[in-house]
Amino acid sequence: MRSGDTHHALPEGEHALVRYVRKVVGDPASITAADITELKGHGWDNAEIVEALAMACLSGFTNTLALAMKFEDDLVPMNFSGYF
C-alpha cells in the first residue's frame, strides 16, 4: 500500500479511498469533484471520506511533530503472552 501498489485482498472501493488520500496528501489542490464522485460510486459517504482524510492528516501531523521534536520511543514493551 505504501508504494501505491494494489493489494489483492482489498476490495476496489478501499483501493479507491487509499488512492484519494494519497492524492490529497501529495497535492491537495488537485482534488476535483470527480474524485469525490468516484468514491461515492464505491459506496463511501461524506463522513467516511472525511474520516479517512482526517486520519491521514493526523498521522502526518503526529509523525512530523515526533520527528521535529526528536521524540524517543520510551514505551515499555508489553508482555502479552497468555492473553492470546
N, C-alpha and C. Protein backbone atom coordinates (compact mmCIF):
# COMPACT_ATOMS: atom_id res chain seq x y z
N MET A 1 0.83 -1.19 0.00
CA MET A 1 0.00 0.00 0.00
C MET A 1 0.88 1.26 0.00
N ARG A 2 1.93 1.22 0.77
CA ARG A 2 2.78 2.40 0.87
C ARG A 2 3.38 2.77 -0.49
N SER A 3 3.68 1.77 -1.30
CA SER A 3 4.28 2.02 -2.61
C SER A 3 3.26 2.47 -3.64
N GLY A 4 1.99 2.34 -3.32
CA GLY A 4 0.93 2.69 -4.26
C GLY A 4 0.40 1.49 -5.02
N ASP A 5 1.02 0.33 -4.81
CA ASP A 5 0.55 -0.88 -5.47
C ASP A 5 -0.77 -1.32 -4.86
N THR A 6 -1.55 -2.04 -5.64
CA THR A 6 -2.80 -2.59 -5.12
C THR A 6 -2.53 -3.90 -4.41
N HIS A 7 -3.41 -4.23 -3.53
CA HIS A 7 -3.29 -5.49 -2.78
C HIS A 7 -4.54 -6.29 -3.08
N HIS A 8 -4.35 -7.53 -3.51
CA HIS A 8 -5.47 -8.35 -3.98
C HIS A 8 -6.52 -8.62 -2.89
N ALA A 9 -6.15 -8.50 -1.64
CA ALA A 9 -7.09 -8.81 -0.57
C ALA A 9 -8.08 -7.68 -0.30
N LEU A 10 -7.80 -6.49 -0.80
CA LEU A 10 -8.70 -5.35 -0.56
C LEU A 10 -9.66 -5.16 -1.72
N PRO A 11 -10.90 -4.82 -1.42
CA PRO A 11 -11.85 -4.51 -2.49
C PRO A 11 -11.45 -3.23 -3.23
N GLU A 12 -11.91 -3.09 -4.46
CA GLU A 12 -11.57 -1.93 -5.26
C GLU A 12 -11.98 -0.62 -4.58
N GLY A 13 -13.09 -0.63 -3.85
CA GLY A 13 -13.53 0.59 -3.17
C GLY A 13 -12.52 1.07 -2.14
N GLU A 14 -11.88 0.15 -1.46
CA GLU A 14 -10.86 0.53 -0.49
C GLU A 14 -9.61 1.04 -1.19
N HIS A 15 -9.27 0.44 -2.31
CA HIS A 15 -8.14 0.95 -3.10
C HIS A 15 -8.43 2.37 -3.57
N ALA A 16 -9.66 2.63 -3.98
CA ALA A 16 -10.04 3.97 -4.44
C ALA A 16 -9.87 4.98 -3.31
N LEU A 17 -10.25 4.61 -2.10
CA LEU A 17 -10.11 5.52 -0.95
C LEU A 17 -8.64 5.78 -0.66
N VAL A 18 -7.81 4.75 -0.73
CA VAL A 18 -6.37 4.92 -0.50
C VAL A 18 -5.77 5.83 -1.57
N ARG A 19 -6.16 5.62 -2.84
CA ARG A 19 -5.65 6.47 -3.91
C ARG A 19 -6.04 7.93 -3.67
N TYR A 20 -7.28 8.15 -3.23
CA TYR A 20 -7.75 9.51 -2.95
C TYR A 20 -6.92 10.16 -1.85
N VAL A 21 -6.73 9.44 -0.75
CA VAL A 21 -5.97 10.00 0.37
C VAL A 21 -4.53 10.29 -0.05
N ARG A 22 -3.93 9.37 -0.80
CA ARG A 22 -2.56 9.60 -1.29
C ARG A 22 -2.50 10.83 -2.20
N LYS A 23 -3.53 11.01 -3.01
CA LYS A 23 -3.58 12.18 -3.90
C LYS A 23 -3.69 13.46 -3.09
N VAL A 24 -4.55 13.46 -2.08
CA VAL A 24 -4.71 14.64 -1.24
C VAL A 24 -3.41 14.98 -0.53
N VAL A 25 -2.76 13.98 0.02
CA VAL A 25 -1.52 14.21 0.75
C VAL A 25 -0.44 14.75 -0.20
N GLY A 26 -0.40 14.25 -1.42
CA GLY A 26 0.62 14.67 -2.38
C GLY A 26 0.35 16.01 -3.03
N ASP A 27 -0.91 16.31 -3.30
CA ASP A 27 -1.26 17.55 -4.00
C ASP A 27 -2.71 17.92 -3.70
N PRO A 28 -2.96 18.52 -2.55
CA PRO A 28 -4.34 18.80 -2.13
C PRO A 28 -5.13 19.63 -3.13
N ALA A 29 -4.48 20.53 -3.83
CA ALA A 29 -5.19 21.40 -4.77
C ALA A 29 -5.67 20.65 -6.01
N SER A 30 -5.18 19.42 -6.21
CA SER A 30 -5.56 18.67 -7.42
C SER A 30 -6.88 17.92 -7.28
N ILE A 31 -7.46 17.91 -6.11
CA ILE A 31 -8.71 17.18 -5.88
C ILE A 31 -9.85 17.86 -6.64
N THR A 32 -10.65 17.04 -7.31
CA THR A 32 -11.79 17.56 -8.08
C THR A 32 -13.08 16.88 -7.62
N ALA A 33 -14.17 17.39 -8.10
CA ALA A 33 -15.47 16.77 -7.79
C ALA A 33 -15.51 15.34 -8.31
N ALA A 34 -14.80 15.07 -9.39
CA ALA A 34 -14.78 13.71 -9.95
C ALA A 34 -14.15 12.72 -8.97
N ASP A 35 -13.17 13.18 -8.19
CA ASP A 35 -12.55 12.30 -7.19
C ASP A 35 -13.58 11.88 -6.14
N ILE A 36 -14.37 12.82 -5.70
CA ILE A 36 -15.39 12.53 -4.69
C ILE A 36 -16.49 11.65 -5.30
N THR A 37 -16.88 11.95 -6.52
CA THR A 37 -17.90 11.16 -7.21
C THR A 37 -17.46 9.71 -7.34
N GLU A 38 -16.17 9.50 -7.67
CA GLU A 38 -15.66 8.14 -7.77
C GLU A 38 -15.79 7.41 -6.44
N LEU A 39 -15.42 8.08 -5.35
CA LEU A 39 -15.52 7.45 -4.03
C LEU A 39 -16.96 7.11 -3.68
N LYS A 40 -17.85 8.03 -3.97
CA LYS A 40 -19.27 7.77 -3.68
C LYS A 40 -19.79 6.62 -4.53
N GLY A 41 -19.25 6.46 -5.73
CA GLY A 41 -19.62 5.34 -6.59
C GLY A 41 -19.20 4.00 -6.01
N HIS A 42 -18.22 4.03 -5.13
CA HIS A 42 -17.77 2.81 -4.44
C HIS A 42 -18.49 2.63 -3.11
N GLY A 43 -19.42 3.54 -2.81
CA GLY A 43 -20.22 3.38 -1.59
C GLY A 43 -19.76 4.20 -0.40
N TRP A 44 -18.72 5.00 -0.55
CA TRP A 44 -18.26 5.83 0.57
C TRP A 44 -19.16 7.05 0.70
N ASP A 45 -19.50 7.40 1.94
CA ASP A 45 -20.29 8.62 2.15
C ASP A 45 -19.37 9.74 2.62
N ASN A 46 -19.92 10.95 2.73
CA ASN A 46 -19.11 12.11 3.10
C ASN A 46 -18.36 11.91 4.41
N ALA A 47 -19.04 11.38 5.41
CA ALA A 47 -18.41 11.20 6.73
C ALA A 47 -17.23 10.25 6.65
N GLU A 48 -17.36 9.18 5.88
CA GLU A 48 -16.27 8.21 5.76
C GLU A 48 -15.08 8.79 5.00
N ILE A 49 -15.36 9.59 3.98
CA ILE A 49 -14.30 10.24 3.22
C ILE A 49 -13.55 11.22 4.10
N VAL A 50 -14.28 12.03 4.85
CA VAL A 50 -13.66 13.00 5.76
C VAL A 50 -12.86 12.27 6.83
N GLU A 51 -13.39 11.18 7.37
CA GLU A 51 -12.67 10.43 8.40
C GLU A 51 -11.35 9.87 7.87
N ALA A 52 -11.37 9.30 6.68
CA ALA A 52 -10.14 8.76 6.10
C ALA A 52 -9.10 9.86 5.90
N LEU A 53 -9.55 10.99 5.40
CA LEU A 53 -8.64 12.11 5.18
C LEU A 53 -8.13 12.67 6.50
N ALA A 54 -9.00 12.78 7.49
CA ALA A 54 -8.59 13.30 8.80
C ALA A 54 -7.56 12.38 9.45
N MET A 55 -7.73 11.07 9.32
CA MET A 55 -6.77 10.12 9.90
C MET A 55 -5.41 10.24 9.22
N ALA A 56 -5.41 10.42 7.90
CA ALA A 56 -4.15 10.59 7.18
C ALA A 56 -3.46 11.89 7.60
N CYS A 57 -4.24 12.96 7.73
CA CYS A 57 -3.67 14.25 8.15
C CYS A 57 -3.14 14.16 9.58
N LEU A 58 -3.88 13.51 10.45
CA LEU A 58 -3.44 13.37 11.84
C LEU A 58 -2.15 12.56 11.91
N SER A 59 -2.06 11.51 11.13
CA SER A 59 -0.83 10.70 11.10
C SER A 59 0.34 11.53 10.61
N GLY A 60 0.12 12.30 9.56
CA GLY A 60 1.18 13.16 9.05
C GLY A 60 1.63 14.18 10.07
N PHE A 61 0.67 14.80 10.75
CA PHE A 61 0.99 15.79 11.78
C PHE A 61 1.77 15.15 12.93
N THR A 62 1.29 14.00 13.39
CA THR A 62 1.94 13.31 14.50
C THR A 62 3.36 12.91 14.15
N ASN A 63 3.54 12.35 12.96
CA ASN A 63 4.89 11.95 12.54
C ASN A 63 5.81 13.14 12.38
N THR A 64 5.31 14.23 11.80
CA THR A 64 6.13 15.43 11.63
C THR A 64 6.55 16.00 12.98
N LEU A 65 5.62 16.08 13.91
CA LEU A 65 5.92 16.59 15.24
C LEU A 65 6.93 15.70 15.95
N ALA A 66 6.74 14.40 15.89
CA ALA A 66 7.65 13.47 16.56
C ALA A 66 9.06 13.57 15.98
N LEU A 67 9.16 13.67 14.67
CA LEU A 67 10.48 13.78 14.05
C LEU A 67 11.15 15.11 14.40
N ALA A 68 10.38 16.19 14.33
CA ALA A 68 10.95 17.52 14.62
C ALA A 68 11.37 17.67 16.08
N MET A 69 10.62 17.06 16.98
CA MET A 69 10.91 17.18 18.41
C MET A 69 11.87 16.10 18.89
N LYS A 70 12.28 15.23 17.96
CA LYS A 70 13.21 14.14 18.30
C LYS A 70 12.68 13.27 19.43
N PHE A 71 11.38 12.98 19.36
CA PHE A 71 10.79 12.09 20.36
C PHE A 71 11.47 10.74 20.33
N GLU A 72 11.66 10.17 21.46
CA GLU A 72 12.26 8.84 21.55
C GLU A 72 11.21 7.85 22.01
N ASP A 73 11.37 6.64 21.57
CA ASP A 73 10.46 5.58 21.98
C ASP A 73 10.79 5.19 23.41
N ASP A 74 9.94 5.59 24.34
CA ASP A 74 10.19 5.29 25.74
C ASP A 74 9.14 4.35 26.33
N LEU A 75 8.40 3.70 25.45
CA LEU A 75 7.38 2.79 25.93
C LEU A 75 8.00 1.47 26.35
N VAL A 76 7.53 0.95 27.43
CA VAL A 76 7.99 -0.36 27.89
C VAL A 76 7.18 -1.40 27.14
N PRO A 77 7.85 -2.35 26.47
CA PRO A 77 7.11 -3.37 25.73
C PRO A 77 6.19 -4.17 26.66
N MET A 78 4.99 -4.40 26.20
CA MET A 78 4.03 -5.17 26.97
C MET A 78 4.26 -6.67 26.73
N ASN A 79 4.05 -7.45 27.75
CA ASN A 79 4.14 -8.90 27.63
C ASN A 79 2.72 -9.44 27.50
N PHE A 80 2.37 -9.84 26.30
CA PHE A 80 1.02 -10.31 26.05
C PHE A 80 0.91 -11.85 26.06
N SER A 81 1.97 -12.50 26.46
CA SER A 81 1.90 -13.98 26.49
C SER A 81 0.82 -14.40 27.48
N GLY A 82 0.03 -15.33 27.07
CA GLY A 82 -1.06 -15.80 27.91
C GLY A 82 -2.38 -15.10 27.61
N TYR A 83 -2.35 -13.98 26.89
CA TYR A 83 -3.58 -13.27 26.54
C TYR A 83 -4.23 -13.85 25.31
N PHE A 84 -3.43 -14.46 24.45
CA PHE A 84 -3.97 -14.94 23.18
C PHE A 84 -3.82 -16.42 23.07
